[in-house]
mmCIF file of all heavy atoms, coordinates in Angstrom:
data_MODEL
# 
_entry.id   MODEL 
# 
loop_
_atom_site.group_PDB 
_atom_site.id 
_atom_site.type_symbol 
_atom_site.label_atom_id 
_atom_site.label_alt_id 
_atom_site.label_comp_id 
_atom_site.label_asym_id 
_atom_site.label_entity_id 
_atom_site.label_seq_id 
_atom_site.pdbx_PDB_ins_code 
_atom_site.Cartn_x 
_atom_site.Cartn_y 
_atom_site.Cartn_z 
_atom_site.occupancy 
_atom_site.B_iso_or_equiv 
_atom_site.pdbx_formal_charge 
_atom_site.auth_seq_id 
_atom_site.auth_comp_id 
_atom_site.auth_asym_id 
_atom_site.auth_atom_id 
_atom_site.pdbx_PDB_model_num 
ATOM 1   N N   . PRO A 1 1  ? 0.833   -1.201  0.000  1.00 0.00 ? 1  PRO A N   1 
ATOM 2   C CA  . PRO A 1 1  ? 0.000   0.000   0.000  1.00 0.00 ? 1  PRO A CA  1 
ATOM 3   C C   . PRO A 1 1  ? 0.871   1.255   0.000  1.00 0.00 ? 1  PRO A C   1 
ATOM 4   O O   . PRO A 1 1  ? 1.908   1.291   0.667  1.00 0.00 ? 1  PRO A O   1 
ATOM 5   C CB  . PRO A 1 1  ? -0.794  -0.120  1.312  1.00 0.00 ? 1  PRO A CB  1 
ATOM 6   C CG  . PRO A 1 1  ? -0.732  -1.569  1.678  1.00 0.00 ? 1  PRO A CG  1 
ATOM 7   C CD  . PRO A 1 1  ? 0.594   -2.052  1.183  1.00 0.00 ? 1  PRO A CD  1 
ATOM 8   N N   . PRO A 1 2  ? 0.485   2.293   -0.736 1.00 0.00 ? 2  PRO A N   1 
ATOM 9   C CA  . PRO A 1 2  ? 1.295   3.518   -0.806 1.00 0.00 ? 2  PRO A CA  1 
ATOM 10  C C   . PRO A 1 2  ? 1.550   4.154   0.552  1.00 0.00 ? 2  PRO A C   1 
ATOM 11  O O   . PRO A 1 2  ? 2.605   4.773   0.754  1.00 0.00 ? 2  PRO A O   1 
ATOM 12  C CB  . PRO A 1 2  ? 0.460   4.445   -1.702 1.00 0.00 ? 2  PRO A CB  1 
ATOM 13  C CG  . PRO A 1 2  ? -0.363  3.524   -2.541 1.00 0.00 ? 2  PRO A CG  1 
ATOM 14  C CD  . PRO A 1 2  ? -0.679  2.363   -1.643 1.00 0.00 ? 2  PRO A CD  1 
ATOM 15  N N   . PHE A 1 3  ? 0.611   4.007   1.510  1.00 0.00 ? 3  PHE A N   1 
ATOM 16  C CA  . PHE A 1 3  ? 0.815   4.670   2.803  1.00 0.00 ? 3  PHE A CA  1 
ATOM 17  C C   . PHE A 1 3  ? 1.991   4.071   3.570  1.00 0.00 ? 3  PHE A C   1 
ATOM 18  O O   . PHE A 1 3  ? 2.538   4.710   4.470  1.00 0.00 ? 3  PHE A O   1 
ATOM 19  C CB  . PHE A 1 3  ? -0.464  4.644   3.653  1.00 0.00 ? 3  PHE A CB  1 
ATOM 20  C CG  . PHE A 1 3  ? -1.034  3.281   3.920  1.00 0.00 ? 3  PHE A CG  1 
ATOM 21  C CD1 . PHE A 1 3  ? -0.463  2.424   4.862  1.00 0.00 ? 3  PHE A CD1 1 
ATOM 22  C CD2 . PHE A 1 3  ? -2.153  2.846   3.240  1.00 0.00 ? 3  PHE A CD2 1 
ATOM 23  C CE1 . PHE A 1 3  ? -0.992  1.181   5.111  1.00 0.00 ? 3  PHE A CE1 1 
ATOM 24  C CE2 . PHE A 1 3  ? -2.692  1.590   3.467  1.00 0.00 ? 3  PHE A CE2 1 
ATOM 25  C CZ  . PHE A 1 3  ? -2.110  0.757   4.410  1.00 0.00 ? 3  PHE A CZ  1 
ATOM 26  N N   . LEU A 1 4  ? 2.422   2.869   3.212  1.00 0.00 ? 4  LEU A N   1 
ATOM 27  C CA  . LEU A 1 4  ? 3.607   2.302   3.848  1.00 0.00 ? 4  LEU A CA  1 
ATOM 28  C C   . LEU A 1 4  ? 4.882   3.002   3.386  1.00 0.00 ? 4  LEU A C   1 
ATOM 29  O O   . LEU A 1 4  ? 5.926   2.895   4.029  1.00 0.00 ? 4  LEU A O   1 
ATOM 30  C CB  . LEU A 1 4  ? 3.712   0.805   3.554  1.00 0.00 ? 4  LEU A CB  1 
ATOM 31  C CG  . LEU A 1 4  ? 2.648   -0.088  4.189  1.00 0.00 ? 4  LEU A CG  1 
ATOM 32  C CD1 . LEU A 1 4  ? 2.889   -1.550  3.821  1.00 0.00 ? 4  LEU A CD1 1 
ATOM 33  C CD2 . LEU A 1 4  ? 2.624   0.068   5.705  1.00 0.00 ? 4  LEU A CD2 1 
ATOM 34  N N   . LEU A 1 5  ? 4.789   3.736   2.274  1.00 0.00 ? 5  LEU A N   1 
ATOM 35  C CA  . LEU A 1 5  ? 5.921   4.507   1.778  1.00 0.00 ? 5  LEU A CA  1 
ATOM 36  C C   . LEU A 1 5  ? 5.750   5.994   2.053  1.00 0.00 ? 5  LEU A C   1 
ATOM 37  O O   . LEU A 1 5  ? 6.481   6.821   1.507  1.00 0.00 ? 5  LEU A O   1 
ATOM 38  C CB  . LEU A 1 5  ? 6.105   4.288   0.269  1.00 0.00 ? 5  LEU A CB  1 
ATOM 39  C CG  . LEU A 1 5  ? 6.303   2.848   -0.199 1.00 0.00 ? 5  LEU A CG  1 
ATOM 40  C CD1 . LEU A 1 5  ? 6.633   2.818   -1.680 1.00 0.00 ? 5  LEU A CD1 1 
ATOM 41  C CD2 . LEU A 1 5  ? 7.397   2.167   0.602  1.00 0.00 ? 5  LEU A CD2 1 
ATOM 42  N N   . GLY A 1 6  ? 4.765   6.331   2.905  1.00 0.00 ? 6  GLY A N   1 
ATOM 43  C CA  . GLY A 1 6  ? 4.579   7.726   3.284  1.00 0.00 ? 6  GLY A CA  1 
ATOM 44  C C   . GLY A 1 6  ? 3.696   8.519   2.355  1.00 0.00 ? 6  GLY A C   1 
ATOM 45  O O   . GLY A 1 6  ? 3.707   9.756   2.394  1.00 0.00 ? 6  GLY A O   1 
ATOM 46  N N   . VAL A 1 7  ? 2.915   7.849   1.503  1.00 0.00 ? 7  VAL A N   1 
ATOM 47  C CA  . VAL A 1 7  ? 2.021   8.535   0.572  1.00 0.00 ? 7  VAL A CA  1 
ATOM 48  C C   . VAL A 1 7  ? 0.582   8.198   0.925  1.00 0.00 ? 7  VAL A C   1 
ATOM 49  O O   . VAL A 1 7  ? 0.206   7.023   0.965  1.00 0.00 ? 7  VAL A O   1 
ATOM 50  C CB  . VAL A 1 7  ? 2.307   8.126   -0.887 1.00 0.00 ? 7  VAL A CB  1 
ATOM 51  C CG1 . VAL A 1 7  ? 1.343   8.841   -1.832 1.00 0.00 ? 7  VAL A CG1 1 
ATOM 52  C CG2 . VAL A 1 7  ? 3.744   8.448   -1.255 1.00 0.00 ? 7  VAL A CG2 1 
ATOM 53  N N   . GLY A 1 8  ? -0.233  9.220   1.170  1.00 0.00 ? 8  GLY A N   1 
ATOM 54  C CA  . GLY A 1 8  ? -1.631  8.983   1.508  1.00 0.00 ? 8  GLY A CA  1 
ATOM 55  C C   . GLY A 1 8  ? -1.819  8.619   2.974  1.00 0.00 ? 8  GLY A C   1 
ATOM 56  O O   . GLY A 1 8  ? -0.893  8.687   3.779  1.00 0.00 ? 8  GLY A O   1 
ATOM 57  N N   . THR A 1 9  ? -3.034  8.233   3.306  1.00 0.00 ? 9  THR A N   1 
ATOM 58  C CA  . THR A 1 9  ? -3.390  7.916   4.684  1.00 0.00 ? 9  THR A CA  1 
ATOM 59  C C   . THR A 1 9  ? -3.657  6.422   4.849  1.00 0.00 ? 9  THR A C   1 
ATOM 60  O O   . THR A 1 9  ? -3.966  5.714   3.879  1.00 0.00 ? 9  THR A O   1 
ATOM 61  C CB  . THR A 1 9  ? -4.645  8.699   5.111  1.00 0.00 ? 9  THR A CB  1 
ATOM 62  O OG1 . THR A 1 9  ? -5.722  8.393   4.212  1.00 0.00 ? 9  THR A OG1 1 
ATOM 63  C CG2 . THR A 1 9  ? -4.367  10.198  5.076  1.00 0.00 ? 9  THR A CG2 1 
ATOM 64  N N   . TYR A 1 10 ? -3.543  5.978   6.088  1.00 0.00 ? 10 TYR A N   1 
ATOM 65  C CA  . TYR A 1 10 ? -3.723  4.553   6.384  1.00 0.00 ? 10 TYR A CA  1 
ATOM 66  C C   . TYR A 1 10 ? -5.155  4.122   6.115  1.00 0.00 ? 10 TYR A C   1 
ATOM 67  O O   . TYR A 1 10 ? -6.118  4.832   6.418  1.00 0.00 ? 10 TYR A O   1 
ATOM 68  C CB  . TYR A 1 10 ? -3.378  4.283   7.842  1.00 0.00 ? 10 TYR A CB  1 
ATOM 69  C CG  . TYR A 1 10 ? -3.665  2.871   8.281  1.00 0.00 ? 10 TYR A CG  1 
ATOM 70  C CD1 . TYR A 1 10 ? -2.798  1.840   7.977  1.00 0.00 ? 10 TYR A CD1 1 
ATOM 71  C CD2 . TYR A 1 10 ? -4.829  2.569   8.989  1.00 0.00 ? 10 TYR A CD2 1 
ATOM 72  C CE1 . TYR A 1 10 ? -3.060  0.534   8.365  1.00 0.00 ? 10 TYR A CE1 1 
ATOM 73  C CE2 . TYR A 1 10 ? -5.105  1.277   9.389  1.00 0.00 ? 10 TYR A CE2 1 
ATOM 74  C CZ  . TYR A 1 10 ? -4.219  0.265   9.075  1.00 0.00 ? 10 TYR A CZ  1 
ATOM 75  O OH  . TYR A 1 10 ? -4.485  -1.020  9.453  1.00 0.00 ? 10 TYR A OH  1 
ATOM 76  N N   . ASN A 1 11 ? -5.293  2.954   5.513  1.00 0.00 ? 11 ASN A N   1 
ATOM 77  C CA  . ASN A 1 11 ? -6.604  2.380   5.239  1.00 0.00 ? 11 ASN A CA  1 
ATOM 78  C C   . ASN A 1 11 ? -6.606  0.930   5.702  1.00 0.00 ? 11 ASN A C   1 
ATOM 79  O O   . ASN A 1 11 ? -5.809  0.111   5.231  1.00 0.00 ? 11 ASN A O   1 
ATOM 80  C CB  . ASN A 1 11 ? -6.921  2.468   3.741  1.00 0.00 ? 11 ASN A CB  1 
ATOM 81  C CG  . ASN A 1 11 ? -8.308  1.955   3.408  1.00 0.00 ? 11 ASN A CG  1 
ATOM 82  O OD1 . ASN A 1 11 ? -8.552  0.756   3.363  1.00 0.00 ? 11 ASN A OD1 1 
ATOM 83  N ND2 . ASN A 1 11 ? -9.232  2.883   3.165  1.00 0.00 ? 11 ASN A ND2 1 
ATOM 84  N N   . LYS A 1 12 ? -7.483  0.625   6.629  1.00 0.00 ? 12 LYS A N   1 
ATOM 85  C CA  . LYS A 1 12 ? -7.522  -0.704  7.235  1.00 0.00 ? 12 LYS A CA  1 
ATOM 86  C C   . LYS A 1 12 ? -7.830  -1.796  6.223  1.00 0.00 ? 12 LYS A C   1 
ATOM 87  O O   . LYS A 1 12 ? -7.164  -2.846  6.184  1.00 0.00 ? 12 LYS A O   1 
ATOM 88  C CB  . LYS A 1 12 ? -8.553  -0.716  8.359  1.00 0.00 ? 12 LYS A CB  1 
ATOM 89  C CG  . LYS A 1 12 ? -8.746  -2.071  9.025  1.00 0.00 ? 12 LYS A CG  1 
ATOM 90  C CD  . LYS A 1 12 ? -9.821  -1.986  10.098 1.00 0.00 ? 12 LYS A CD  1 
ATOM 91  C CE  . LYS A 1 12 ? -10.114 -3.343  10.689 1.00 0.00 ? 12 LYS A CE  1 
ATOM 92  N NZ  . LYS A 1 12 ? -11.163 -3.281  11.724 1.00 0.00 ? 12 LYS A NZ  1 
ATOM 93  N N   . ASP A 1 13 ? -8.823  -1.575  5.377  1.00 0.00 ? 13 ASP A N   1 
ATOM 94  C CA  . ASP A 1 13 ? -9.200  -2.586  4.392  1.00 0.00 ? 13 ASP A CA  1 
ATOM 95  C C   . ASP A 1 13 ? -8.070  -2.823  3.389  1.00 0.00 ? 13 ASP A C   1 
ATOM 96  O O   . ASP A 1 13 ? -7.816  -3.957  2.980  1.00 0.00 ? 13 ASP A O   1 
ATOM 97  C CB  . ASP A 1 13 ? -10.472 -2.158  3.655  1.00 0.00 ? 13 ASP A CB  1 
ATOM 98  C CG  . ASP A 1 13 ? -11.687 -2.139  4.560  1.00 0.00 ? 13 ASP A CG  1 
ATOM 99  O OD1 . ASP A 1 13 ? -11.682 -2.876  5.566  1.00 0.00 ? 13 ASP A OD1 1 
ATOM 100 O OD2 . ASP A 1 13 ? -12.635 -1.385  4.269  1.00 0.00 ? 13 ASP A OD2 1 
ATOM 101 N N   . GLU A 1 14 ? -7.399  -1.740  2.997  1.00 0.00 ? 14 GLU A N   1 
ATOM 102 C CA  . GLU A 1 14 ? -6.281  -1.881  2.059  1.00 0.00 ? 14 GLU A CA  1 
ATOM 103 C C   . GLU A 1 14 ? -5.133  -2.659  2.698  1.00 0.00 ? 14 GLU A C   1 
ATOM 104 O O   . GLU A 1 14 ? -4.467  -3.466  2.041  1.00 0.00 ? 14 GLU A O   1 
ATOM 105 C CB  . GLU A 1 14 ? -5.806  -0.489  1.621  1.00 0.00 ? 14 GLU A CB  1 
ATOM 106 C CG  . GLU A 1 14 ? -4.798  -0.516  0.487  1.00 0.00 ? 14 GLU A CG  1 
ATOM 107 C CD  . GLU A 1 14 ? -4.449  0.872   -0.010 1.00 0.00 ? 14 GLU A CD  1 
ATOM 108 O OE1 . GLU A 1 14 ? -4.975  1.860   0.556  1.00 0.00 ? 14 GLU A OE1 1 
ATOM 109 O OE2 . GLU A 1 14 ? -3.640  0.983   -0.957 1.00 0.00 ? 14 GLU A OE2 1 
ATOM 110 N N   . TYR A 1 15 ? -4.913  -2.424  3.987  1.00 0.00 ? 15 TYR A N   1 
ATOM 111 C CA  . TYR A 1 15 ? -3.854  -3.145  4.700  1.00 0.00 ? 15 TYR A CA  1 
ATOM 112 C C   . TYR A 1 15 ? -4.175  -4.642  4.771  1.00 0.00 ? 15 TYR A C   1 
ATOM 113 O O   . TYR A 1 15 ? -3.316  -5.485  4.491  1.00 0.00 ? 15 TYR A O   1 
ATOM 114 C CB  . TYR A 1 15 ? -3.697  -2.578  6.106  1.00 0.00 ? 15 TYR A CB  1 
ATOM 115 C CG  . TYR A 1 15 ? -2.737  -3.359  6.971  1.00 0.00 ? 15 TYR A CG  1 
ATOM 116 C CD1 . TYR A 1 15 ? -1.368  -3.135  6.913  1.00 0.00 ? 15 TYR A CD1 1 
ATOM 117 C CD2 . TYR A 1 15 ? -3.207  -4.350  7.833  1.00 0.00 ? 15 TYR A CD2 1 
ATOM 118 C CE1 . TYR A 1 15 ? -0.484  -3.868  7.692  1.00 0.00 ? 15 TYR A CE1 1 
ATOM 119 C CE2 . TYR A 1 15 ? -2.334  -5.083  8.610  1.00 0.00 ? 15 TYR A CE2 1 
ATOM 120 C CZ  . TYR A 1 15 ? -0.975  -4.838  8.543  1.00 0.00 ? 15 TYR A CZ  1 
ATOM 121 O OH  . TYR A 1 15 ? -0.103  -5.567  9.316  1.00 0.00 ? 15 TYR A OH  1 
ATOM 122 N N   . ASN A 1 16 ? -5.402  -4.989  5.161  1.00 0.00 ? 16 ASN A N   1 
ATOM 123 C CA  . ASN A 1 16 ? -5.779  -6.405  5.251  1.00 0.00 ? 16 ASN A CA  1 
ATOM 124 C C   . ASN A 1 16 ? -5.741  -7.085  3.885  1.00 0.00 ? 16 ASN A C   1 
ATOM 125 O O   . ASN A 1 16 ? -5.393  -8.265  3.778  1.00 0.00 ? 16 ASN A O   1 
ATOM 126 C CB  . ASN A 1 16 ? -7.170  -6.535  5.870  1.00 0.00 ? 16 ASN A CB  1 
ATOM 127 C CG  . ASN A 1 16 ? -7.169  -6.250  7.366  1.00 0.00 ? 16 ASN A CG  1 
ATOM 128 O OD1 . ASN A 1 16 ? -6.153  -6.401  8.039  1.00 0.00 ? 16 ASN A OD1 1 
ATOM 129 N ND2 . ASN A 1 16 ? -8.296  -5.809  7.890  1.00 0.00 ? 16 ASN A ND2 1 
ATOM 130 N N   . ASN A 1 17 ? -6.099  -6.332  2.839  1.00 0.00 ? 17 ASN A N   1 
ATOM 131 C CA  . ASN A 1 17 ? -5.999  -6.891  1.487  1.00 0.00 ? 17 ASN A CA  1 
ATOM 132 C C   . ASN A 1 17 ? -4.543  -7.125  1.108  1.00 0.00 ? 17 ASN A C   1 
ATOM 133 O O   . ASN A 1 17 ? -4.221  -8.097  0.403  1.00 0.00 ? 17 ASN A O   1 
ATOM 134 C CB  . ASN A 1 17 ? -6.652  -5.933  0.489  1.00 0.00 ? 17 ASN A CB  1 
ATOM 135 C CG  . ASN A 1 17 ? -6.668  -6.496  -0.919 1.00 0.00 ? 17 ASN A CG  1 
ATOM 136 O OD1 . ASN A 1 17 ? -7.270  -7.533  -1.201 1.00 0.00 ? 17 ASN A OD1 1 
ATOM 137 N ND2 . ASN A 1 17 ? -5.991  -5.806  -1.836 1.00 0.00 ? 17 ASN A ND2 1 
ATOM 138 N N   . PHE A 1 18 ? -3.654  -6.263  1.582  1.00 0.00 ? 18 PHE A N   1 
ATOM 139 C CA  . PHE A 1 18 ? -2.209  -6.434  1.377  1.00 0.00 ? 18 PHE A CA  1 
ATOM 140 C C   . PHE A 1 18 ? -1.734  -7.742  1.997  1.00 0.00 ? 18 PHE A C   1 
ATOM 141 O O   . PHE A 1 18 ? -0.935  -8.477  1.411  1.00 0.00 ? 18 PHE A O   1 
ATOM 142 C CB  . PHE A 1 18 ? -1.496  -5.224  1.979  1.00 0.00 ? 18 PHE A CB  1 
ATOM 143 C CG  . PHE A 1 18 ? -0.015  -5.376  2.162  1.00 0.00 ? 18 PHE A CG  1 
ATOM 144 C CD1 . PHE A 1 18 ? 0.815   -5.671  1.094  1.00 0.00 ? 18 PHE A CD1 1 
ATOM 145 C CD2 . PHE A 1 18 ? 0.555   -5.198  3.415  1.00 0.00 ? 18 PHE A CD2 1 
ATOM 146 C CE1 . PHE A 1 18 ? 2.186   -5.798  1.270  1.00 0.00 ? 18 PHE A CE1 1 
ATOM 147 C CE2 . PHE A 1 18 ? 1.916   -5.321  3.604  1.00 0.00 ? 18 PHE A CE2 1 
ATOM 148 C CZ  . PHE A 1 18 ? 2.737   -5.620  2.522  1.00 0.00 ? 18 PHE A CZ  1 
ATOM 149 N N   . VAL A 1 19 ? -2.257  -8.069  3.179  1.00 0.00 ? 19 VAL A N   1 
ATOM 150 C CA  . VAL A 1 19 ? -1.908  -9.339  3.832  1.00 0.00 ? 19 VAL A CA  1 
ATOM 151 C C   . VAL A 1 19 ? -2.426  -10.515 3.010  1.00 0.00 ? 19 VAL A C   1 
ATOM 152 O O   . VAL A 1 19 ? -1.704  -11.495 2.768  1.00 0.00 ? 19 VAL A O   1 
ATOM 153 C CB  . VAL A 1 19 ? -2.483  -9.392  5.263  1.00 0.00 ? 19 VAL A CB  1 
ATOM 154 C CG1 . VAL A 1 19 ? -2.231  -10.763 5.886  1.00 0.00 ? 19 VAL A CG1 1 
ATOM 155 C CG2 . VAL A 1 19 ? -1.869  -8.300  6.121  1.00 0.00 ? 19 VAL A CG2 1 
ATOM 156 N N   . ASN A 1 20 ? -3.672  -10.409 2.545  1.00 0.00 ? 20 ASN A N   1 
ATOM 157 C CA  . ASN A 1 20 ? -4.290  -11.520 1.814  1.00 0.00 ? 20 ASN A CA  1 
ATOM 158 C C   . ASN A 1 20 ? -3.651  -11.778 0.458  1.00 0.00 ? 20 ASN A C   1 
ATOM 159 O O   . ASN A 1 20 ? -3.685  -12.906 -0.045 1.00 0.00 ? 20 ASN A O   1 
ATOM 160 C CB  . ASN A 1 20 ? -5.781  -11.249 1.610  1.00 0.00 ? 20 ASN A CB  1 
ATOM 161 C CG  . ASN A 1 20 ? -6.582  -11.445 2.882  1.00 0.00 ? 20 ASN A CG  1 
ATOM 162 O OD1 . ASN A 1 20 ? -6.243  -12.285 3.709  1.00 0.00 ? 20 ASN A OD1 1 
ATOM 163 N ND2 . ASN A 1 20 ? -7.642  -10.666 3.040  1.00 0.00 ? 20 ASN A ND2 1 
ATOM 164 N N   . THR A 1 21 ? -3.082  -10.749 -0.142 1.00 0.00 ? 21 THR A N   1 
ATOM 165 C CA  . THR A 1 21 ? -2.540  -10.892 -1.491 1.00 0.00 ? 21 THR A CA  1 
ATOM 166 C C   . THR A 1 21 ? -1.017  -10.989 -1.478 1.00 0.00 ? 21 THR A C   1 
ATOM 167 O O   . THR A 1 21 ? -0.457  -12.064 -1.638 1.00 0.00 ? 21 THR A O   1 
ATOM 168 C CB  . THR A 1 21 ? -3.006  -9.725  -2.378 1.00 0.00 ? 21 THR A CB  1 
ATOM 169 O OG1 . THR A 1 21 ? -2.654  -8.465  -1.744 1.00 0.00 ? 21 THR A OG1 1 
ATOM 170 C CG2 . THR A 1 21 ? -4.507  -9.774  -2.571 1.00 0.00 ? 21 THR A CG2 1 
ATOM 171 N N   . ARG A 1 22 ? -0.362  -9.886  -1.282 1.00 0.00 ? 22 ARG A N   1 
ATOM 172 C CA  . ARG A 1 22 ? 1.091   -9.861  -1.424 1.00 0.00 ? 22 ARG A CA  1 
ATOM 173 C C   . ARG A 1 22 ? 1.810   -10.730 -0.392 1.00 0.00 ? 22 ARG A C   1 
ATOM 174 O O   . ARG A 1 22 ? 2.676   -11.543 -0.734 1.00 0.00 ? 22 ARG A O   1 
ATOM 175 C CB  . ARG A 1 22 ? 1.586   -8.417  -1.307 1.00 0.00 ? 22 ARG A CB  1 
ATOM 176 C CG  . ARG A 1 22 ? 3.080   -8.247  -1.570 1.00 0.00 ? 22 ARG A CG  1 
ATOM 177 C CD  . ARG A 1 22 ? 3.415   -8.729  -2.944 1.00 0.00 ? 22 ARG A CD  1 
ATOM 178 N NE  . ARG A 1 22 ? 4.790   -8.420  -3.314 1.00 0.00 ? 22 ARG A NE  1 
ATOM 179 C CZ  . ARG A 1 22 ? 5.493   -9.140  -4.159 1.00 0.00 ? 22 ARG A CZ  1 
ATOM 180 N NH1 . ARG A 1 22 ? 4.962   -10.224 -4.699 1.00 0.00 ? 22 ARG A NH1 1 
ATOM 181 N NH2 . ARG A 1 22 ? 6.718   -8.798  -4.473 1.00 0.00 ? 22 ARG A NH2 1 
ATOM 182 N N   . ILE A 1 23 ? 1.447   -10.578 0.874  1.00 0.00 ? 23 ILE A N   1 
ATOM 183 C CA  . ILE A 1 23 ? 2.147   -11.308 1.937  1.00 0.00 ? 23 ILE A CA  1 
ATOM 184 C C   . ILE A 1 23 ? 1.908   -12.812 1.817  1.00 0.00 ? 23 ILE A C   1 
ATOM 185 O O   . ILE A 1 23 ? 2.856   -13.616 1.840  1.00 0.00 ? 23 ILE A O   1 
ATOM 186 C CB  . ILE A 1 23 ? 1.707   -10.807 3.327  1.00 0.00 ? 23 ILE A CB  1 
ATOM 187 C CG1 . ILE A 1 23 ? 2.070   -9.325  3.494  1.00 0.00 ? 23 ILE A CG1 1 
ATOM 188 C CG2 . ILE A 1 23 ? 2.353   -11.638 4.421  1.00 0.00 ? 23 ILE A CG2 1 
ATOM 189 C CD1 . ILE A 1 23 ? 3.543   -9.026  3.363  1.00 0.00 ? 23 ILE A CD1 1 
ATOM 190 N N   . LEU A 1 24 ? 0.663   -13.215 1.659  1.00 0.00 ? 24 LEU A N   1 
ATOM 191 C CA  . LEU A 1 24 ? 0.366   -14.646 1.578  1.00 0.00 ? 24 LEU A CA  1 
ATOM 192 C C   . LEU A 1 24 ? 0.863   -15.262 0.278  1.00 0.00 ? 24 LEU A C   1 
ATOM 193 O O   . LEU A 1 24 ? 1.147   -16.456 0.226  1.00 0.00 ? 24 LEU A O   1 
ATOM 194 C CB  . LEU A 1 24 ? -1.138  -14.878 1.740  1.00 0.00 ? 24 LEU A CB  1 
ATOM 195 C CG  . LEU A 1 24 ? -1.696  -14.602 3.140  1.00 0.00 ? 24 LEU A CG  1 
ATOM 196 C CD1 . LEU A 1 24 ? -3.164  -15.012 3.225  1.00 0.00 ? 24 LEU A CD1 1 
ATOM 197 C CD2 . LEU A 1 24 ? -0.887  -15.345 4.201  1.00 0.00 ? 24 LEU A CD2 1 
ATOM 198 N N   . SER A 1 25 ? 0.986   -14.450 -0.784 1.00 0.00 ? 25 SER A N   1 
ATOM 199 C CA  . SER A 1 25 ? 1.521   -14.963 -2.038 1.00 0.00 ? 25 SER A CA  1 
ATOM 200 C C   . SER A 1 25 ? 2.987   -15.375 -1.873 1.00 0.00 ? 25 SER A C   1 
ATOM 201 O O   . SER A 1 25 ? 3.388   -16.461 -2.311 1.00 0.00 ? 25 SER A O   1 
ATOM 202 C CB  . SER A 1 25 ? 1.398   -13.899 -3.136 1.00 0.00 ? 25 SER A CB  1 
ATOM 203 O OG  . SER A 1 25 ? 2.019   -14.334 -4.326 1.00 0.00 ? 25 SER A OG  1 
ATOM 204 N N   . ILE A 1 26 ? 3.781   -14.528 -1.235 1.00 0.00 ? 26 ILE A N   1 
ATOM 205 C CA  . ILE A 1 26 ? 5.187   -14.868 -0.991 1.00 0.00 ? 26 ILE A CA  1 
ATOM 206 C C   . ILE A 1 26 ? 5.283   -16.032 -0.010 1.00 0.00 ? 26 ILE A C   1 
ATOM 207 O O   . ILE A 1 26 ? 6.096   -16.947 -0.183 1.00 0.00 ? 26 ILE A O   1 
ATOM 208 C CB  . ILE A 1 26 ? 5.941   -13.641 -0.455 1.00 0.00 ? 26 ILE A CB  1 
ATOM 209 C CG1 . ILE A 1 26 ? 5.994   -12.550 -1.530 1.00 0.00 ? 26 ILE A CG1 1 
ATOM 210 C CG2 . ILE A 1 26 ? 7.355   -14.011 -0.010 1.00 0.00 ? 26 ILE A CG2 1 
ATOM 211 C CD1 . ILE A 1 26 ? 6.660   -11.274 -1.090 1.00 0.00 ? 26 ILE A CD1 1 
ATOM 212 N N   . ALA A 1 27 ? 4.444   -16.011 1.029  1.00 0.00 ? 27 ALA A N   1 
ATOM 213 C CA  . ALA A 1 27 ? 4.452   -17.102 2.009  1.00 0.00 ? 27 ALA A CA  1 
ATOM 214 C C   . ALA A 1 27 ? 4.101   -18.431 1.355  1.00 0.00 ? 27 ALA A C   1 
ATOM 215 O O   . ALA A 1 27 ? 4.697   -19.471 1.671  1.00 0.00 ? 27 ALA A O   1 
ATOM 216 C CB  . ALA A 1 27 ? 3.467   -16.794 3.133  1.00 0.00 ? 27 ALA A CB  1 
ATOM 217 N N   . GLN A 1 28 ? 3.147   -18.417 0.450  1.00 0.00 ? 28 GLN A N   1 
ATOM 218 C CA  . GLN A 1 28 ? 2.754   -19.658 -0.224 1.00 0.00 ? 28 GLN A CA  1 
ATOM 219 C C   . GLN A 1 28 ? 3.896   -20.204 -1.070 1.00 0.00 ? 28 GLN A C   1 
ATOM 220 O O   . GLN A 1 28 ? 4.131   -21.425 -1.115 1.00 0.00 ? 28 GLN A O   1 
ATOM 221 C CB  . GLN A 1 28 ? 1.521   -19.415 -1.093 1.00 0.00 ? 28 GLN A CB  1 
ATOM 222 C CG  . GLN A 1 28 ? 0.936   -20.686 -1.689 1.00 0.00 ? 28 GLN A CG  1 
ATOM 223 C CD  . GLN A 1 28 ? -0.336  -20.422 -2.468 1.00 0.00 ? 28 GLN A CD  1 
ATOM 224 O OE1 . GLN A 1 28 ? -0.413  -19.487 -3.253 1.00 0.00 ? 28 GLN A OE1 1 
ATOM 225 N NE2 . GLN A 1 28 ? -1.358  -21.244 -2.256 1.00 0.00 ? 28 GLN A NE2 1 
ATOM 226 N N   . SER A 1 29 ? 4.621   -19.316 -1.741 1.00 0.00 ? 29 SER A N   1 
ATOM 227 C CA  . SER A 1 29 ? 5.767   -19.752 -2.537 1.00 0.00 ? 29 SER A CA  1 
ATOM 228 C C   . SER A 1 29 ? 6.825   -20.419 -1.653 1.00 0.00 ? 29 SER A C   1 
ATOM 229 O O   . SER A 1 29 ? 7.403   -21.447 -2.035 1.00 0.00 ? 29 SER A O   1 
ATOM 230 C CB  . SER A 1 29 ? 6.375   -18.556 -3.272 1.00 0.00 ? 29 SER A CB  1 
ATOM 231 O OG  . SER A 1 29 ? 7.535   -18.918 -3.975 1.00 0.00 ? 29 SER A OG  1 
# 
């Protein structure tokens, strides 16, 4: 999410979607 790089504001749903997609994708590999 862009807010992790200091752009925009924190969004809870976007953060949880980040876990479901990017994080779990690398973990699955």
